[in-house]
């Protein structure tokens, strides 16, 4: 098992913000500067926590996206506003793949994702990765 917290303000930019351009009459996809910057920052923080060797087995990935509360939001409450958890998670998994946490993010077979408002000193992204073989599969649908 591997667990750590990235002590950063969680991004609100997501992988869904790819842009499409046309070159020589053909479409191509590219990352706008804000998305490129977010990926670079996220990968720099992830680099400090990557495993010595990439995982090669099916994995469970648990994340808690902890955003600093402000205004009407109270610490400890759910963040039920954009960005969507699936878009956040896609960005994180793409960056973890590029940094070398695993061979392919398709190895992630179960995910638990939360978004919460927290006190500013608690902000960050908590990440826990463990082999799927450690799952208690008593609750699986059969």
N, C-alpha and C. Protein backbone atom coordinates (compact mmCIF):
# COMPACT_ATOMS: atom_id res chain seq x y z
N UNK A 1 0.85 -1.18 0.00
CA UNK A 1 0.00 0.00 0.00
C UNK A 1 0.89 1.24 0.00
N UNK A 2 0.39 2.26 -0.65
CA UNK A 2 1.08 3.55 -0.71
C UNK A 2 0.06 4.63 -0.41
N UNK A 3 0.36 5.51 0.54
CA UNK A 3 -0.55 6.63 0.80
C UNK A 3 0.28 7.88 1.07
N UNK A 4 -0.26 9.01 0.64
CA UNK A 4 0.41 10.28 0.81
C UNK A 4 -0.60 11.40 0.59
N UNK A 5 -0.21 12.60 1.00
CA UNK A 5 -1.02 13.78 0.74
C UNK A 5 -0.19 14.79 -0.03
N UNK A 6 -0.74 15.27 -1.13
CA UNK A 6 -0.10 16.35 -1.88
C UNK A 6 -0.56 17.65 -1.21
N UNK A 7 0.37 18.37 -0.61
CA UNK A 7 0.04 19.59 0.12
C UNK A 7 -0.03 20.78 -0.82
N UNK A 8 -1.08 20.78 -1.63
CA UNK A 8 -1.29 21.84 -2.62
C UNK A 8 -2.75 22.26 -2.60
N UNK A 9 -3.03 23.40 -3.20
CA UNK A 9 -4.43 23.74 -3.47
C UNK A 9 -4.87 22.84 -4.61
N UNK A 10 -5.87 21.98 -4.39
CA UNK A 10 -6.30 21.09 -5.46
C UNK A 10 -6.72 21.88 -6.69
N UNK A 11 -6.37 21.39 -7.87
CA UNK A 11 -6.73 22.11 -9.09
C UNK A 11 -8.22 22.09 -9.35
N UNK A 12 -8.67 23.08 -10.08
CA UNK A 12 -10.04 23.09 -10.58
C UNK A 12 -10.02 22.91 -12.10
N UNK A 13 -8.84 22.95 -12.68
CA UNK A 13 -8.66 22.65 -14.09
C UNK A 13 -8.69 21.14 -14.25
N UNK A 14 -9.35 20.64 -15.29
CA UNK A 14 -9.47 19.20 -15.47
C UNK A 14 -9.01 18.76 -16.85
N UNK A 15 -8.88 17.45 -16.99
CA UNK A 15 -8.47 16.86 -18.27
C UNK A 15 -9.48 17.12 -19.37
N UNK A 16 -10.70 17.46 -19.01
CA UNK A 16 -11.76 17.71 -20.00
C UNK A 16 -11.55 19.02 -20.75
N UNK A 17 -10.56 19.79 -20.34
CA UNK A 17 -10.37 21.11 -20.94
C UNK A 17 -9.43 21.09 -22.15
N UNK A 18 -9.27 19.90 -22.74
CA UNK A 18 -8.54 19.81 -24.01
C UNK A 18 -9.21 20.73 -25.02
N UNK A 19 -8.45 21.24 -25.93
CA UNK A 19 -8.98 22.08 -27.00
C UNK A 19 -8.78 21.37 -28.33
N UNK A 20 -9.58 21.73 -29.29
CA UNK A 20 -9.46 21.18 -30.64
C UNK A 20 -9.11 22.32 -31.58
N UNK A 21 -8.10 22.09 -32.39
CA UNK A 21 -7.72 23.05 -33.42
C UNK A 21 -7.79 22.38 -34.79
N UNK A 22 -7.65 23.18 -35.81
CA UNK A 22 -7.63 22.65 -37.18
C UNK A 22 -6.31 23.04 -37.81
N UNK A 23 -5.61 22.05 -38.36
CA UNK A 23 -4.35 22.29 -39.04
C UNK A 23 -4.39 21.55 -40.36
N UNK A 24 -4.19 22.26 -41.45
CA UNK A 24 -4.25 21.66 -42.78
C UNK A 24 -5.57 20.93 -43.00
N UNK A 25 -6.65 21.50 -42.47
CA UNK A 25 -7.97 20.94 -42.65
C UNK A 25 -8.29 19.74 -41.78
N UNK A 26 -7.37 19.38 -40.87
CA UNK A 26 -7.59 18.22 -40.00
C UNK A 26 -7.62 18.66 -38.53
N UNK A 27 -8.54 18.06 -37.77
CA UNK A 27 -8.60 18.42 -36.34
C UNK A 27 -7.44 17.80 -35.56
N UNK A 28 -7.01 18.52 -34.53
CA UNK A 28 -6.01 17.99 -33.60
C UNK A 28 -6.36 18.50 -32.20
N UNK A 29 -5.95 17.75 -31.19
CA UNK A 29 -6.23 18.10 -29.81
C UNK A 29 -4.97 18.67 -29.17
N UNK A 30 -5.16 19.64 -28.28
CA UNK A 30 -4.03 20.20 -27.55
C UNK A 30 -4.48 20.68 -26.18
N UNK A 31 -3.51 20.81 -25.29
CA UNK A 31 -3.79 21.31 -23.94
C UNK A 31 -3.56 22.81 -23.93
N UNK A 32 -4.55 23.59 -23.48
CA UNK A 32 -4.34 25.02 -23.34
C UNK A 32 -3.30 25.28 -22.23
N UNK A 33 -2.71 26.48 -22.20
CA UNK A 33 -1.65 26.77 -21.23
C UNK A 33 -2.03 26.49 -19.77
N UNK A 34 -3.26 26.79 -19.36
CA UNK A 34 -3.67 26.55 -17.98
C UNK A 34 -3.63 25.06 -17.64
N UNK A 35 -4.07 24.21 -18.57
CA UNK A 35 -4.06 22.76 -18.34
C UNK A 35 -2.62 22.24 -18.32
N UNK A 36 -1.78 22.72 -19.23
CA UNK A 36 -0.36 22.32 -19.24
C UNK A 36 0.29 22.67 -17.91
N UNK A 37 0.03 23.88 -17.42
CA UNK A 37 0.60 24.33 -16.15
C UNK A 37 0.13 23.46 -14.99
N UNK A 38 -1.16 23.14 -14.97
CA UNK A 38 -1.72 22.30 -13.91
C UNK A 38 -1.09 20.92 -13.94
N UNK A 39 -0.95 20.33 -15.11
CA UNK A 39 -0.32 19.00 -15.23
C UNK A 39 1.11 19.03 -14.73
N UNK A 40 1.88 20.06 -15.12
CA UNK A 40 3.28 20.15 -14.70
C UNK A 40 3.40 20.26 -13.19
N UNK A 41 2.56 21.09 -12.57
CA UNK A 41 2.60 21.25 -11.11
C UNK A 41 2.22 19.95 -10.41
N UNK A 42 1.15 19.32 -10.89
CA UNK A 42 0.69 18.08 -10.28
C UNK A 42 1.76 16.99 -10.40
N UNK A 43 2.38 16.87 -11.56
CA UNK A 43 3.42 15.86 -11.75
C UNK A 43 4.63 16.14 -10.87
N UNK A 44 4.98 17.39 -10.66
CA UNK A 44 6.12 17.73 -9.79
C UNK A 44 5.85 17.26 -8.36
N UNK A 45 4.64 17.46 -7.87
CA UNK A 45 4.29 17.00 -6.53
C UNK A 45 4.21 15.47 -6.46
N UNK A 46 3.66 14.85 -7.49
CA UNK A 46 3.54 13.39 -7.52
C UNK A 46 4.91 12.72 -7.58
N UNK A 47 5.84 13.31 -8.28
CA UNK A 47 7.19 12.76 -8.44
C UNK A 47 7.81 12.42 -7.08
N UNK A 48 7.53 13.21 -6.08
CA UNK A 48 8.09 13.01 -4.73
C UNK A 48 7.56 11.75 -4.06
N UNK A 49 6.45 11.20 -4.57
CA UNK A 49 5.78 10.07 -3.92
C UNK A 49 5.72 8.81 -4.77
N UNK A 50 6.26 8.86 -5.97
CA UNK A 50 6.12 7.71 -6.86
C UNK A 50 6.87 6.50 -6.30
N UNK A 51 6.34 5.30 -6.54
CA UNK A 51 7.01 4.10 -6.04
C UNK A 51 8.32 3.85 -6.79
N UNK A 52 9.20 3.10 -6.14
CA UNK A 52 10.49 2.77 -6.76
C UNK A 52 10.28 2.07 -8.10
N UNK A 53 9.34 1.12 -8.10
CA UNK A 53 8.98 0.39 -9.32
C UNK A 53 7.49 0.59 -9.56
N UNK A 54 7.08 0.76 -10.82
CA UNK A 54 5.65 0.93 -11.10
C UNK A 54 4.84 -0.29 -10.67
N UNK A 55 3.62 -0.04 -10.19
CA UNK A 55 2.72 -1.14 -9.87
C UNK A 55 2.40 -1.90 -11.15
N UNK A 56 2.25 -3.23 -11.03
CA UNK A 56 1.95 -4.06 -12.21
C UNK A 56 0.69 -4.89 -12.02
N UNK A 57 0.00 -4.70 -10.89
CA UNK A 57 -1.17 -5.51 -10.56
C UNK A 57 -2.43 -4.64 -10.60
N UNK A 58 -3.63 -5.24 -10.60
CA UNK A 58 -4.86 -4.46 -10.48
C UNK A 58 -4.84 -3.68 -9.16
N UNK A 59 -5.35 -2.44 -9.21
CA UNK A 59 -5.22 -1.53 -8.07
C UNK A 59 -6.54 -0.89 -7.65
N UNK A 60 -6.57 -0.49 -6.39
CA UNK A 60 -7.64 0.35 -5.85
C UNK A 60 -7.03 1.72 -5.60
N UNK A 61 -7.75 2.76 -5.97
CA UNK A 61 -7.28 4.13 -5.80
C UNK A 61 -8.32 4.92 -5.02
N UNK A 62 -7.91 5.42 -3.87
CA UNK A 62 -8.79 6.24 -3.04
C UNK A 62 -8.21 7.65 -3.00
N UNK A 63 -9.06 8.65 -3.23
CA UNK A 63 -8.59 10.03 -3.18
C UNK A 63 -9.60 10.89 -2.44
N UNK A 64 -9.07 11.87 -1.73
CA UNK A 64 -9.91 12.90 -1.11
C UNK A 64 -9.36 14.24 -1.59
N UNK A 65 -10.17 14.95 -2.32
CA UNK A 65 -9.83 16.28 -2.82
C UNK A 65 -10.29 17.28 -1.76
N UNK A 66 -9.35 17.95 -1.12
CA UNK A 66 -9.65 18.81 0.03
C UNK A 66 -9.42 20.27 -0.36
N UNK A 67 -10.52 20.97 -0.58
CA UNK A 67 -10.48 22.37 -1.02
C UNK A 67 -10.64 23.31 0.17
N UNK A 68 -9.85 24.40 0.23
CA UNK A 68 -9.99 25.34 1.34
C UNK A 68 -11.38 25.99 1.34
N UNK A 69 -12.03 25.92 2.49
CA UNK A 69 -13.37 26.51 2.63
C UNK A 69 -13.26 28.03 2.68
N UNK A 70 -14.24 28.67 2.10
CA UNK A 70 -14.31 30.14 2.16
C UNK A 70 -15.76 30.55 1.99
N UNK A 71 -16.07 31.75 2.44
CA UNK A 71 -17.43 32.27 2.26
C UNK A 71 -18.47 31.40 2.91
N UNK A 72 -19.43 30.93 2.12
CA UNK A 72 -20.56 30.18 2.66
C UNK A 72 -20.24 28.71 2.93
N UNK A 73 -19.07 28.24 2.51
CA UNK A 73 -18.70 26.83 2.67
C UNK A 73 -18.05 26.60 4.03
N UNK A 74 -18.51 25.57 4.71
CA UNK A 74 -17.99 25.24 6.04
C UNK A 74 -17.03 24.06 5.95
N UNK A 75 -15.90 24.11 6.67
CA UNK A 75 -14.98 22.97 6.70
C UNK A 75 -15.70 21.69 7.11
N UNK A 76 -15.36 20.60 6.44
CA UNK A 76 -15.96 19.30 6.75
C UNK A 76 -17.19 18.98 5.94
N UNK A 77 -17.66 19.92 5.12
CA UNK A 77 -18.84 19.65 4.30
C UNK A 77 -18.41 19.19 2.90
N UNK A 78 -19.35 18.57 2.21
CA UNK A 78 -19.07 18.09 0.85
C UNK A 78 -18.94 19.26 -0.11
N UNK A 79 -18.04 19.15 -1.05
CA UNK A 79 -17.96 20.13 -2.13
C UNK A 79 -18.79 19.57 -3.28
N UNK A 80 -19.99 20.08 -3.45
CA UNK A 80 -20.89 19.55 -4.47
C UNK A 80 -20.98 20.49 -5.66
N UNK A 81 -19.87 21.17 -5.95
CA UNK A 81 -19.78 22.06 -7.09
C UNK A 81 -18.71 21.55 -8.04
N UNK A 82 -18.65 22.13 -9.22
CA UNK A 82 -17.63 21.74 -10.20
C UNK A 82 -16.25 22.02 -9.64
N UNK A 83 -15.25 21.31 -10.07
CA UNK A 83 -15.26 20.29 -11.12
C UNK A 83 -15.79 18.95 -10.62
N UNK A 84 -16.27 18.15 -11.56
CA UNK A 84 -16.79 16.83 -11.27
C UNK A 84 -15.66 15.90 -10.84
N UNK A 85 -15.98 14.95 -9.96
CA UNK A 85 -14.95 14.03 -9.47
C UNK A 85 -14.33 13.21 -10.60
N UNK A 86 -15.12 12.79 -11.57
CA UNK A 86 -14.55 11.96 -12.64
C UNK A 86 -13.54 12.73 -13.48
N UNK A 87 -13.79 14.02 -13.69
CA UNK A 87 -12.85 14.83 -14.46
C UNK A 87 -11.57 15.10 -13.67
N UNK A 88 -11.71 15.35 -12.37
CA UNK A 88 -10.53 15.52 -11.52
C UNK A 88 -9.69 14.26 -11.50
N UNK A 89 -10.36 13.14 -11.33
CA UNK A 89 -9.67 11.87 -11.22
C UNK A 89 -8.93 11.51 -12.50
N UNK A 90 -9.53 11.83 -13.64
CA UNK A 90 -8.88 11.56 -14.93
C UNK A 90 -7.56 12.32 -15.03
N UNK A 91 -7.57 13.57 -14.63
CA UNK A 91 -6.34 14.37 -14.65
C UNK A 91 -5.29 13.75 -13.74
N UNK A 92 -5.68 13.40 -12.53
CA UNK A 92 -4.74 12.81 -11.57
C UNK A 92 -4.16 11.50 -12.10
N UNK A 93 -5.03 10.61 -12.60
CA UNK A 93 -4.55 9.32 -13.10
C UNK A 93 -3.65 9.49 -14.31
N UNK A 94 -3.97 10.42 -15.20
CA UNK A 94 -3.10 10.68 -16.35
C UNK A 94 -1.71 11.12 -15.87
N UNK A 95 -1.68 12.01 -14.89
CA UNK A 95 -0.40 12.50 -14.37
C UNK A 95 0.36 11.38 -13.66
N UNK A 96 -0.36 10.55 -12.91
CA UNK A 96 0.29 9.44 -12.21
C UNK A 96 0.86 8.43 -13.21
N UNK A 97 0.20 8.25 -14.32
CA UNK A 97 0.72 7.37 -15.37
C UNK A 97 2.01 7.95 -15.96
N UNK A 98 2.00 9.24 -16.26
CA UNK A 98 3.18 9.89 -16.84
C UNK A 98 4.37 9.88 -15.87
N UNK A 99 4.11 9.99 -14.58
CA UNK A 99 5.17 10.00 -13.58
C UNK A 99 5.71 8.59 -13.33
N UNK A 100 4.89 7.56 -13.53
CA UNK A 100 5.37 6.18 -13.39
C UNK A 100 4.85 5.43 -12.17
N UNK A 101 3.63 5.73 -11.73
CA UNK A 101 3.06 4.98 -10.61
C UNK A 101 2.66 3.57 -11.03
N UNK A 102 2.28 3.41 -12.30
CA UNK A 102 1.84 2.13 -12.83
C UNK A 102 2.13 2.13 -14.32
N UNK A 103 1.92 0.97 -14.94
CA UNK A 103 2.14 0.89 -16.39
C UNK A 103 1.03 1.59 -17.14
N UNK A 104 -0.21 1.41 -16.67
CA UNK A 104 -1.37 1.98 -17.36
C UNK A 104 -2.47 2.22 -16.33
N UNK A 105 -3.17 3.34 -16.45
CA UNK A 105 -4.22 3.61 -15.46
C UNK A 105 -5.41 2.67 -15.60
N UNK A 106 -5.41 1.83 -16.62
CA UNK A 106 -6.44 0.79 -16.73
C UNK A 106 -6.29 -0.24 -15.60
N UNK A 107 -5.14 -0.26 -14.93
CA UNK A 107 -4.92 -1.17 -13.80
C UNK A 107 -5.78 -0.78 -12.60
N UNK A 108 -6.29 0.44 -12.58
CA UNK A 108 -7.14 0.88 -11.48
C UNK A 108 -8.52 0.28 -11.70
N UNK A 109 -8.88 -0.68 -10.83
CA UNK A 109 -10.14 -1.41 -10.99
C UNK A 109 -11.21 -0.96 -10.00
N UNK A 110 -10.82 -0.17 -9.00
CA UNK A 110 -11.79 0.39 -8.07
C UNK A 110 -11.30 1.77 -7.63
N UNK A 111 -12.26 2.70 -7.53
CA UNK A 111 -11.93 4.06 -7.08
C UNK A 111 -12.93 4.52 -6.05
N UNK A 112 -12.41 5.21 -5.06
CA UNK A 112 -13.25 5.90 -4.08
C UNK A 112 -12.78 7.35 -4.12
N UNK A 113 -13.70 8.26 -4.39
CA UNK A 113 -13.35 9.67 -4.58
C UNK A 113 -14.26 10.53 -3.71
N UNK A 114 -13.66 11.47 -3.02
CA UNK A 114 -14.42 12.45 -2.25
C UNK A 114 -13.92 13.84 -2.57
N UNK A 115 -14.84 14.80 -2.49
CA UNK A 115 -14.48 16.23 -2.55
C UNK A 115 -15.06 16.87 -1.30
N UNK A 116 -14.21 17.56 -0.56
CA UNK A 116 -14.65 18.19 0.69
C UNK A 116 -14.10 19.60 0.81
N UNK A 117 -14.82 20.40 1.58
CA UNK A 117 -14.31 21.70 2.00
C UNK A 117 -13.59 21.45 3.33
N UNK A 118 -12.40 22.03 3.49
CA UNK A 118 -11.61 21.84 4.71
C UNK A 118 -11.03 23.18 5.17
N UNK A 119 -10.47 23.20 6.38
CA UNK A 119 -9.74 24.39 6.82
C UNK A 119 -8.54 24.57 5.91
N UNK A 120 -8.14 25.79 5.67
CA UNK A 120 -7.11 26.07 4.68
C UNK A 120 -5.81 25.31 4.92
N UNK A 121 -5.45 25.09 6.18
CA UNK A 121 -4.19 24.38 6.46
C UNK A 121 -4.29 22.88 6.17
N UNK A 122 -5.50 22.37 5.93
CA UNK A 122 -5.69 20.95 5.62
C UNK A 122 -5.81 20.68 4.12
N UNK A 123 -5.79 21.72 3.32
CA UNK A 123 -6.03 21.56 1.89
C UNK A 123 -5.01 20.62 1.25
N UNK A 124 -5.42 19.98 0.15
CA UNK A 124 -4.53 19.08 -0.56
C UNK A 124 -5.29 17.95 -1.22
N UNK A 125 -4.54 16.96 -1.66
CA UNK A 125 -5.12 15.76 -2.27
C UNK A 125 -4.54 14.56 -1.55
N UNK A 126 -5.40 13.83 -0.84
CA UNK A 126 -4.97 12.60 -0.19
C UNK A 126 -5.11 11.47 -1.19
N UNK A 127 -4.07 10.63 -1.30
CA UNK A 127 -4.05 9.52 -2.25
C UNK A 127 -3.67 8.25 -1.52
N UNK A 128 -4.42 7.19 -1.77
CA UNK A 128 -4.07 5.87 -1.24
C UNK A 128 -4.22 4.86 -2.37
N UNK A 129 -3.20 4.03 -2.54
CA UNK A 129 -3.19 3.01 -3.59
C UNK A 129 -2.88 1.68 -2.94
N UNK A 130 -3.66 0.66 -3.27
CA UNK A 130 -3.33 -0.66 -2.75
C UNK A 130 -3.78 -1.72 -3.76
N UNK A 131 -3.13 -2.90 -3.70
CA UNK A 131 -3.48 -3.97 -4.64
C UNK A 131 -4.93 -4.42 -4.45
N UNK A 132 -5.62 -4.64 -5.55
CA UNK A 132 -7.02 -5.06 -5.50
C UNK A 132 -7.18 -6.40 -4.79
N UNK A 133 -6.14 -7.21 -4.76
CA UNK A 133 -6.23 -8.51 -4.09
C UNK A 133 -6.49 -8.34 -2.59
N UNK A 134 -6.24 -7.14 -2.05
CA UNK A 134 -6.51 -6.88 -0.64
C UNK A 134 -7.98 -6.52 -0.39
N UNK A 135 -8.77 -6.39 -1.45
CA UNK A 135 -10.19 -6.08 -1.30
C UNK A 135 -10.93 -7.22 -0.63
N UNK A 136 -11.87 -6.87 0.19
CA UNK A 136 -12.79 -7.86 0.73
C UNK A 136 -13.93 -7.93 -0.28
N UNK A 137 -13.99 -8.99 -1.07
CA UNK A 137 -14.97 -9.06 -2.16
C UNK A 137 -16.29 -9.71 -1.72
N UNK A 138 -16.57 -9.72 -0.41
CA UNK A 138 -17.84 -10.27 0.07
C UNK A 138 -19.04 -9.48 -0.46
N UNK A 139 -18.81 -8.21 -0.80
CA UNK A 139 -19.91 -7.35 -1.22
C UNK A 139 -20.05 -7.23 -2.74
N UNK A 140 -19.26 -7.96 -3.48
CA UNK A 140 -19.33 -7.87 -4.94
C UNK A 140 -20.63 -8.47 -5.45
N UNK A 141 -21.15 -7.90 -6.52
CA UNK A 141 -22.33 -8.47 -7.17
C UNK A 141 -21.92 -9.71 -7.95
N UNK A 142 -22.72 -10.74 -7.86
CA UNK A 142 -22.37 -11.97 -8.60
C UNK A 142 -23.57 -12.41 -9.40
